[in-house]
C-alpha cells in the first residue's frame, strides 16, 4: 500500500471530482469524516494525511468504491484515498453529534465533532511509538480545554461507551502525559 500523503486542498479536489461523477449519474452520498483526514481538512491540525476515513451512506458502496478508484486514477492518487475501513468504530453517539462541513453536488460531508474525535483518537493510541494520533490528541485536548484524565475518560465514555475499560495502564499514563503537555502548549 502506498504511503503517499496529501494536503487538504488535494482532498478537496478529489472530493470535487467525485462530486462531478456522482452528479453525472444522479447519485448522492453522505460522508462522515473522522481520523487524520478530519484533523487535516476540518480542524487544520495537520498539513497532510494519507487518506480520508469515512462512513459512507447513500449510493451502493460498490458503486462508490468504483468511483473512488476512478478519481484516484484520474488524479494520480492512492486508490483508497477515501475509505470506510474504520467505519465499524463509529457509534450512534458519534453519528448524532456530527458537524456539517461541506456540501457538493451529490455529496454531503459531515465531520465528527471534537469530543468524538478525541474519543476516537484516545482509543486508537498505540503503545509502540509516538504517532500522529498523539499529536491529534494533544491538539484536541487543548481545543476542548481538558485539564485532567477523568474529563478525558468521560468524553471517551460518552462517545465510545465501554471503551475506557479496555485502556491499558500504559494508555492511561500516556493520556495523562498528553494532558500535561497540552496544558502547557501556547495559545
Protein backbone atom coordinates (compact mmCIF):
# COMPACT_ATOMS: atom_id res chain seq x y z
CA UNK A 1 0.00 0.00 0.00
CA UNK A 2 1.25 3.46 -0.90
CA UNK A 3 2.28 5.81 1.90
CA UNK A 4 1.55 8.97 -0.10
CA UNK A 5 0.17 11.89 1.86
CA UNK A 6 -1.99 14.71 0.56
CA UNK A 7 -2.91 18.22 1.61
CA UNK A 8 -6.41 19.40 2.44
CA UNK A 9 -6.54 21.14 -0.95
CA UNK A 10 -5.75 17.87 -2.75
CA UNK A 11 -8.51 16.06 -0.85
CA UNK A 12 -10.96 18.84 -1.68
CA UNK A 13 -10.01 18.43 -5.35
CA UNK A 14 -10.58 14.67 -5.10
CA UNK A 15 -13.96 15.20 -3.45
CA UNK A 16 -14.94 17.72 -6.13
CA UNK A 17 -14.08 15.18 -8.84
CA UNK A 18 -16.10 12.51 -7.02
CA UNK A 19 -18.96 15.01 -6.78
CA UNK A 20 -18.91 15.54 -10.55
CA UNK A 21 -19.02 11.79 -11.14
CA UNK A 22 -21.92 11.28 -8.72
CA UNK A 23 -23.88 14.17 -10.25
CA UNK A 24 -23.43 12.74 -13.73
CA UNK A 25 -25.19 9.54 -12.71
CA UNK A 26 -27.71 11.29 -10.41
CA UNK A 27 -26.44 9.62 -7.23
CA UNK A 28 -25.92 11.12 -3.76
CA UNK A 29 -23.79 10.08 -0.78
CA UNK A 30 -23.42 11.27 2.77
CA UNK A 31 -19.94 11.16 4.29
CA UNK A 32 -18.94 11.39 7.93
CA UNK A 33 -15.22 12.13 8.10
CA UNK A 34 -13.14 11.14 11.10
CA UNK A 35 -9.47 10.32 11.69
CA UNK A 36 -6.49 12.10 10.19
CA UNK A 37 -8.50 13.39 7.25
CA UNK A 38 -10.89 15.23 9.54
CA UNK A 39 -7.93 16.57 11.51
CA UNK A 40 -6.40 17.97 8.30
CA UNK A 41 -9.48 19.17 6.42
CA UNK A 42 -11.77 20.44 9.15
CA UNK A 43 -9.66 21.05 12.24
CA UNK A 44 -6.47 22.24 10.50
CA UNK A 45 -4.35 20.25 12.93
CA UNK A 46 -2.22 18.62 10.20
CA UNK A 47 -0.74 19.76 6.92
CA UNK A 48 -1.13 16.34 5.28
CA UNK A 49 -2.62 12.91 5.81
CA UNK A 50 -2.73 9.62 3.92
CA UNK A 51 -6.46 9.20 3.42
CA UNK A 52 -9.96 10.19 4.40
CA UNK A 53 -11.59 7.77 6.82
CA UNK A 54 -15.33 7.99 6.42
CA UNK A 55 -18.69 6.43 7.00
CA UNK A 56 -20.28 6.33 3.54
CA UNK A 57 -24.05 6.21 3.17
CA UNK A 58 -26.37 6.60 0.21
CA UNK A 59 -25.42 5.05 -3.11
CA UNK A 60 -24.24 1.45 -3.24
CA UNK A 61 -20.85 1.01 -1.61
CA UNK A 62 -19.65 -0.98 -4.62
CA UNK A 63 -20.55 1.91 -6.96
CA UNK A 64 -18.92 4.47 -4.66
CA UNK A 65 -15.74 2.39 -4.38
CA UNK A 66 -15.55 2.13 -8.18
CA UNK A 67 -15.90 5.91 -8.50
CA UNK A 68 -13.25 6.50 -5.81
CA UNK A 69 -10.81 4.31 -7.75
CA UNK A 70 -11.67 6.16 -10.99
CA UNK A 71 -10.98 9.51 -9.32
CA UNK A 72 -7.71 8.16 -7.90
CA UNK A 73 -6.58 7.02 -11.33
CA UNK A 74 -7.53 10.34 -12.96
CA UNK A 75 -5.78 12.43 -10.31
CA UNK A 76 -2.81 10.19 -9.57
CA UNK A 77 -3.89 9.46 -6.01
CA UNK A 78 -3.96 6.32 -3.87
CA UNK A 79 -6.91 4.11 -4.73
CA UNK A 80 -8.02 4.19 -1.08
CA UNK A 81 -7.83 7.98 -0.68
CA UNK A 82 -11.41 7.78 0.64
CA UNK A 83 -12.27 4.62 2.55
CA UNK A 84 -14.60 3.19 5.15
CA UNK A 85 -12.08 0.84 6.79
CA UNK A 86 -12.59 2.35 10.24
CA UNK A 87 -16.36 2.83 9.98
CA UNK A 88 -17.02 -0.05 12.38
CA UNK A 89 -15.62 2.14 15.22
CA UNK A 90 -18.30 4.77 14.72
CA UNK A 91 -21.12 4.69 17.26
CA UNK A 92 -24.58 6.21 17.06
CA UNK A 93 -23.37 8.87 19.52
CA UNK A 94 -20.70 9.93 17.03
CA UNK A 95 -23.16 9.96 14.13
CA UNK A 96 -25.69 12.00 16.11
CA UNK A 97 -23.13 14.67 17.06
CA UNK A 98 -21.60 15.14 13.59
CA UNK A 99 -20.99 18.69 12.38
CA UNK A 100 -21.86 19.97 8.91
CA UNK A 101 -18.73 20.57 6.84
CA UNK A 102 -19.28 20.99 3.09
CA UNK A 103 -21.98 20.29 0.56
CA UNK A 104 -21.11 19.48 -3.03
CA UNK A 105 -23.42 18.28 -5.78
CA UNK A 106 -24.03 14.64 -4.92
CA UNK A 107 -22.11 14.76 -1.61
CA UNK A 108 -23.00 15.96 1.88
CA UNK A 109 -19.90 15.94 4.09
CA UNK A 110 -20.05 16.00 7.87
CA UNK A 111 -17.23 15.63 10.36
CA UNK A 112 -17.03 14.06 13.79
CA UNK A 113 -17.32 16.72 16.50
CA UNK A 114 -14.15 17.48 18.51
CA UNK A 115 -15.28 15.44 21.51
CA UNK A 116 -15.97 12.42 19.30
CA UNK A 117 -12.64 12.92 17.56
CA UNK A 118 -10.88 12.98 20.95
CA UNK A 119 -12.63 9.75 21.98
CA UNK A 120 -11.62 8.05 18.71
CA UNK A 121 -8.04 9.29 18.96
CA UNK A 122 -7.65 8.19 22.59
CA UNK A 123 -8.99 4.74 21.74
CA UNK A 124 -6.57 4.39 18.80
CA UNK A 125 -3.39 5.40 20.64
CA UNK A 126 -0.69 2.78 20.23
CA UNK A 127 1.96 1.92 22.76
CA UNK A 128 4.80 1.24 20.34
CA UNK A 129 5.76 4.78 19.33
CA UNK A 130 4.58 8.35 19.09
CA UNK A 131 2.17 8.61 16.18
CA UNK A 132 0.23 11.41 14.54
CA UNK A 133 -2.68 10.25 16.74
CA UNK A 134 -0.84 11.53 19.81
CA UNK A 135 -0.34 14.96 18.24
CA UNK A 136 -4.05 14.92 17.39
CA UNK A 137 -4.92 14.01 20.98
CA UNK A 138 -2.87 16.95 22.28
CA UNK A 139 -4.49 19.30 19.76
CA UNK A 140 -8.00 18.17 20.76
CA UNK A 141 -7.25 18.23 24.50
CA UNK A 142 -6.12 21.84 24.10
CA UNK A 143 -9.09 22.75 21.89
CA UNK A 144 -11.55 21.26 24.39
CA UNK A 145 -9.67 22.60 27.42
CA UNK A 146 -9.46 19.15 29.01
CA UNK A 147 -7.46 19.50 32.21
CA UNK A 148 -7.50 16.02 33.74
CA UNK A 149 -7.70 12.34 32.95
CA UNK A 150 -11.23 11.91 34.31
CA UNK A 151 -12.59 14.60 31.98
CA UNK A 152 -10.94 12.85 29.02
CA UNK A 153 -12.32 9.47 30.11
CA UNK A 154 -15.81 10.96 30.49
CA UNK A 155 -15.63 12.13 26.86
CA UNK A 156 -14.39 8.70 25.79
CA UNK A 157 -17.30 7.01 27.59
CA UNK A 158 -19.86 9.43 26.12
CA UNK A 159 -18.87 8.67 22.52
CA UNK A 160 -17.44 5.15 22.75
CA UNK A 161 -19.30 3.51 25.64
CA UNK A 162 -17.24 0.85 27.41
CA UNK A 163 -14.03 1.64 25.52
CA UNK A 164 -12.37 3.24 28.55
CA UNK A 165 -12.38 -0.16 30.27
CA UNK A 166 -10.10 -1.51 27.53
CA UNK A 167 -7.35 1.08 28.06
CA UNK A 168 -4.13 -0.35 29.45
CA UNK A 169 -2.10 1.18 32.26
CA UNK A 170 0.31 2.43 29.57
CA UNK A 171 -2.56 4.22 27.79
CA UNK A 172 -3.71 5.90 31.00
CA UNK A 173 -0.19 7.04 31.86
CA UNK A 174 0.37 8.29 28.31
CA UNK A 175 -3.00 10.04 28.30
CA UNK A 176 -2.08 11.93 31.48
CA UNK A 177 1.28 12.90 29.91
CA UNK A 178 -0.53 14.21 26.83
CA UNK A 179 -2.96 16.18 29.01
CA UNK A 180 0.00 17.71 30.85
CA UNK A 181 1.74 18.54 27.54
CA UNK A 182 -1.46 20.01 26.06
CA UNK A 183 -1.94 22.27 29.05
CA UNK A 184 1.49 23.87 28.64
CA UNK A 185 1.13 24.49 24.90
CA UNK A 186 0.91 28.19 24.00
CA UNK A 187 -2.46 29.51 22.86
